[in-house]
Structures are given as structure tokens and as C-alpha cells.
N, C-alpha and C. Protein backbone atom coordinates (compact mmCIF):
# COMPACT_ATOMS: atom_id res chain seq x y z
N UNK A 1 93.96 25.51 99.45
CA UNK A 1 95.51 26.05 100.46
C UNK A 1 94.96 25.61 102.15
N UNK A 2 96.01 25.42 102.29
CA UNK A 2 95.88 24.84 104.23
C UNK A 2 95.26 26.04 104.77
N UNK A 3 94.68 25.62 105.99
CA UNK A 3 94.07 26.32 106.74
C UNK A 3 95.45 26.98 107.45
N UNK A 4 95.81 28.12 108.02
CA UNK A 4 96.11 28.70 108.97
C UNK A 4 96.26 28.27 110.07
N UNK A 5 97.52 27.56 110.55
CA UNK A 5 97.51 27.26 111.91
C UNK A 5 98.59 28.61 112.71
N UNK A 6 97.17 29.34 113.54
CA UNK A 6 97.43 30.82 114.49
C UNK A 6 98.32 30.12 115.34
N UNK A 7 98.59 29.20 115.97
CA UNK A 7 99.34 28.79 117.16
C UNK A 7 101.03 28.95 116.55
N UNK A 8 101.26 28.52 114.93
CA UNK A 8 102.07 28.67 114.80
C UNK A 8 102.78 30.46 114.27
N UNK A 9 102.22 31.21 113.76
CA UNK A 9 101.87 32.42 113.04
C UNK A 9 101.76 33.23 115.17
N UNK A 10 101.11 32.63 115.71
CA UNK A 10 101.43 33.73 116.80
C UNK A 10 102.72 33.65 117.66
N UNK A 11 102.70 32.66 118.01
CA UNK A 11 104.53 31.86 118.60
C UNK A 11 105.32 32.80 117.58
N UNK A 12 105.56 32.85 116.16
CA UNK A 12 106.41 33.75 115.48
C UNK A 12 106.13 35.16 116.13
N UNK A 13 105.23 35.65 116.06
CA UNK A 13 105.09 36.88 115.88
C UNK A 13 105.14 37.59 117.11
N UNK A 14 105.50 36.45 118.30
CA UNK A 14 105.70 36.73 120.13
C UNK A 14 107.23 36.86 119.42
N UNK A 15 107.46 36.11 118.94
CA UNK A 15 109.03 36.27 119.46
C UNK A 15 109.93 37.20 118.55
N UNK A 16 109.01 37.42 117.70
CA UNK A 16 109.75 38.66 116.55
C UNK A 16 109.57 40.39 117.07
N UNK A 17 108.14 40.22 118.08
CA UNK A 17 108.42 41.32 118.56
C UNK A 17 108.92 41.73 119.68
N UNK A 18 108.98 40.48 120.62
CA UNK A 18 109.74 40.33 122.06
C UNK A 18 110.75 41.06 121.42
N UNK A 19 111.61 40.65 120.50
CA UNK A 19 113.19 40.14 120.35
C UNK A 19 113.09 41.92 119.86
N UNK A 20 112.60 42.26 119.35
CA UNK A 20 112.58 44.12 119.06
C UNK A 20 111.79 45.47 119.85
N UNK A 21 111.53 44.21 120.48
CA UNK A 21 110.79 45.30 121.64
C UNK A 21 109.46 46.04 121.29
N UNK A 22 108.43 45.88 120.29
CA UNK A 22 107.59 46.40 119.63
C UNK A 22 106.60 45.72 120.17
N UNK A 23 106.26 45.51 121.55
CA UNK A 23 105.27 44.25 121.81
C UNK A 23 104.25 45.73 122.29
N UNK A 24 104.27 46.88 122.25
CA UNK A 24 103.65 47.85 122.70
C UNK A 24 102.59 48.64 121.40
N UNK A 25 104.24 48.82 120.26
CA UNK A 25 103.53 49.35 118.86
C UNK A 25 102.65 48.61 118.63
N UNK A 26 101.57 48.95 118.42
CA UNK A 26 100.53 47.68 117.83
C UNK A 26 100.47 48.17 116.11
N UNK A 27 100.60 48.96 115.83
CA UNK A 27 100.60 49.58 114.44
C UNK A 27 101.81 48.53 113.96
N UNK A 28 102.96 48.38 114.56
CA UNK A 28 103.93 47.12 114.33
C UNK A 28 103.80 45.87 114.25
N UNK A 29 102.91 45.62 115.50
CA UNK A 29 102.65 44.43 115.51
C UNK A 29 101.53 43.77 114.60
N UNK A 30 101.05 44.80 114.26
CA UNK A 30 99.24 44.29 113.10
C UNK A 30 100.32 44.05 111.76
N UNK A 31 101.45 44.72 111.50
CA UNK A 31 101.75 44.59 110.38
C UNK A 31 102.72 43.60 110.10
N UNK A 32 103.48 42.90 110.80
CA UNK A 32 104.52 41.61 111.24
C UNK A 32 103.23 40.96 110.97
N UNK A 33 102.29 40.88 111.50
CA UNK A 33 101.01 39.50 111.71
C UNK A 33 100.75 39.80 110.27
N UNK A 34 100.52 41.06 109.99
CA UNK A 34 99.85 40.72 108.17
C UNK A 34 101.39 40.09 107.53
N UNK A 35 102.51 40.74 107.58
CA UNK A 35 103.40 40.07 106.99
C UNK A 35 103.30 38.60 106.89
N UNK A 36 103.52 38.18 107.94
CA UNK A 36 103.29 36.58 108.50
C UNK A 36 102.28 36.17 107.67
N UNK A 37 101.02 36.27 107.78
CA UNK A 37 99.89 35.24 107.00
C UNK A 37 100.27 35.24 105.24
N UNK A 38 100.55 36.77 105.19
CA UNK A 38 100.83 37.01 103.97
C UNK A 38 101.47 35.27 103.13
N UNK A 39 103.35 35.42 104.36
CA UNK A 39 104.36 34.79 104.08
C UNK A 39 103.88 33.18 104.20
N UNK A 40 102.52 33.33 104.77
CA UNK A 40 101.94 31.35 105.32
C UNK A 40 101.09 31.07 103.73
N UNK A 41 100.71 32.11 103.38
CA UNK A 41 99.96 32.23 102.25
C UNK A 41 100.45 31.58 101.03
N UNK A 42 101.79 32.33 101.32
CA UNK A 42 102.92 31.97 100.31
C UNK A 42 103.47 30.64 100.49
N UNK A 43 103.37 29.94 101.21
CA UNK A 43 103.76 28.17 101.71
C UNK A 43 104.31 27.91 102.78
N UNK A 44 105.21 29.58 103.51
CA UNK A 44 106.03 29.09 104.36
C UNK A 44 105.46 28.47 105.97
N UNK A 45 105.34 27.44 105.73
CA UNK A 45 103.85 27.04 107.50
C UNK A 45 104.93 26.40 108.36
N UNK A 46 105.94 26.27 108.07
CA UNK A 46 106.98 25.32 109.47
C UNK A 46 107.09 26.57 110.42
N UNK A 47 106.99 27.07 111.50
CA UNK A 47 107.33 28.24 112.53
C UNK A 47 109.29 28.20 112.04
N UNK A 48 110.07 27.54 111.87
CA UNK A 48 111.75 28.67 112.12
C UNK A 48 112.10 28.92 110.56
N UNK A 49 110.53 28.03 109.11
CA UNK A 49 110.78 28.62 108.44
C UNK A 49 110.60 30.11 107.92
N UNK A 50 109.18 30.18 108.52
CA UNK A 50 107.99 31.51 108.88
C UNK A 50 109.32 33.11 109.44
N UNK A 51 109.49 32.60 110.76
CA UNK A 51 110.04 33.28 111.48
C UNK A 51 111.12 33.86 110.42
N UNK A 52 112.22 32.77 109.78
CA UNK A 52 113.05 33.54 109.08
C UNK A 52 113.12 33.96 108.18
N UNK A 53 112.08 33.60 107.25
CA UNK A 53 111.57 34.78 105.95
C UNK A 53 111.38 35.41 106.50
N UNK A 54 110.68 35.75 107.67
CA UNK A 54 110.10 37.65 107.99
C UNK A 54 110.89 38.25 108.56
N UNK A 55 111.82 37.44 109.34
CA UNK A 55 113.34 38.41 109.68
C UNK A 55 113.55 38.60 108.24
N UNK A 56 114.01 38.24 107.36
CA UNK A 56 114.54 38.57 106.18
C UNK A 56 114.10 39.43 105.35
N UNK A 57 112.35 39.81 105.68
CA UNK A 57 111.35 40.34 104.94
C UNK A 57 111.29 41.42 106.06
N UNK A 58 111.27 41.62 107.34
CA UNK A 58 111.92 42.86 107.93
C UNK A 58 112.55 43.86 107.69
N UNK A 59 114.15 42.69 107.75
CA UNK A 59 115.41 43.85 107.62
C UNK A 59 115.57 44.77 106.52
N UNK A 60 114.77 43.98 105.55
CA UNK A 60 115.08 44.48 104.11
C UNK A 60 114.05 45.85 103.78
N UNK A 61 112.75 45.71 104.14
CA UNK A 61 111.74 46.93 105.05
C UNK A 61 112.31 48.09 106.11
N UNK A 62 113.03 47.56 106.97
CA UNK A 62 113.55 48.51 107.82
C UNK A 62 112.31 48.77 108.98
N UNK A 63 111.25 47.46 109.40
CA UNK A 63 110.11 47.77 109.88
C UNK A 63 110.43 48.02 111.39
N UNK A 64 112.11 47.09 111.61
CA UNK A 64 112.34 47.24 113.08
C UNK A 64 112.32 48.61 113.30
N UNK A 65 112.98 49.27 112.77
CA UNK A 65 113.70 50.83 113.57
C UNK A 65 112.31 51.82 113.26
N UNK A 66 112.39 52.65 114.10
CA UNK A 66 111.02 53.77 113.85
C UNK A 66 111.61 54.92 112.41
N UNK A 67 110.32 54.81 111.82
CA UNK A 67 110.73 55.60 111.09
C UNK A 67 110.06 57.10 110.71
N UNK A 68 111.41 58.13 111.44
CA UNK A 68 110.82 59.65 112.19
C UNK A 68 111.17 60.55 110.99
N UNK A 69 111.19 60.12 109.56
CA UNK A 69 110.75 60.68 108.90
C UNK A 69 109.51 60.80 108.37
N UNK A 70 108.73 60.07 108.36
CA UNK A 70 107.56 59.89 107.37
C UNK A 70 106.98 59.33 108.18
N UNK A 71 105.23 59.37 108.23
CA UNK A 71 104.47 58.61 109.43
C UNK A 71 104.10 57.72 108.69
N UNK A 72 104.46 56.91 107.22
CA UNK A 72 104.05 55.81 106.87
C UNK A 72 105.00 54.77 107.23
N UNK A 73 104.48 53.51 107.37
CA UNK A 73 105.58 52.30 107.76
C UNK A 73 106.37 51.90 106.50
N UNK A 74 107.68 51.36 106.86
CA UNK A 74 108.05 50.79 105.47
C UNK A 74 107.60 49.47 104.99
N UNK A 75 107.56 48.83 106.36
CA UNK A 75 107.06 47.94 105.91
C UNK A 75 105.84 48.06 105.26
N UNK A 76 105.21 48.97 104.59
CA UNK A 76 103.92 49.32 103.92
C UNK A 76 104.05 48.96 102.67
N UNK A 77 104.72 49.02 102.12
CA UNK A 77 106.14 48.72 100.98
C UNK A 77 106.28 47.71 100.18
N UNK A 78 106.19 47.16 101.46
CA UNK A 78 106.61 45.42 101.14
C UNK A 78 105.48 44.03 100.45
């Protein structure tokens, strides 16, 4: 298994968080970071591809929009 290039993962994390205004939501940031690391382990090692797949997964999970009906984030189900 390739070592994680945290500079790539961190750059994608910062971009996604900045674009969605969630930089101050620590739980959401942690969930997105966890998703990015899981995608890395699945073979998404190039920044643009990692960002694209992460956005697709986040859109599917609706993580970007706050879930006001439940306390559990929808990313927990991804």
C-alpha cells in the first residue's frame, strides 16, 4: 500500500471545506478527512481525482447540508 501523501489530502480537504463553508465545523471536517483517507486507501492518489470522487460521495450523502432532523450526520452512513 502506498503511503498517504498528506499534502494532497490536506489540500483537497481545505478546498472542499472552504467551498462549502464548513471550516469551523470540526465534526464535518473530521468526517470529510476520514472520507478522503478512505478514498486514498481505495486508490484515489491524484488530487483532482480525489477531489472529484469526494465531492460525488459527499453529494450522495448530503453531508454539506446540515441535517437538522437528526443528530447523526449522513456521512456516517457512507
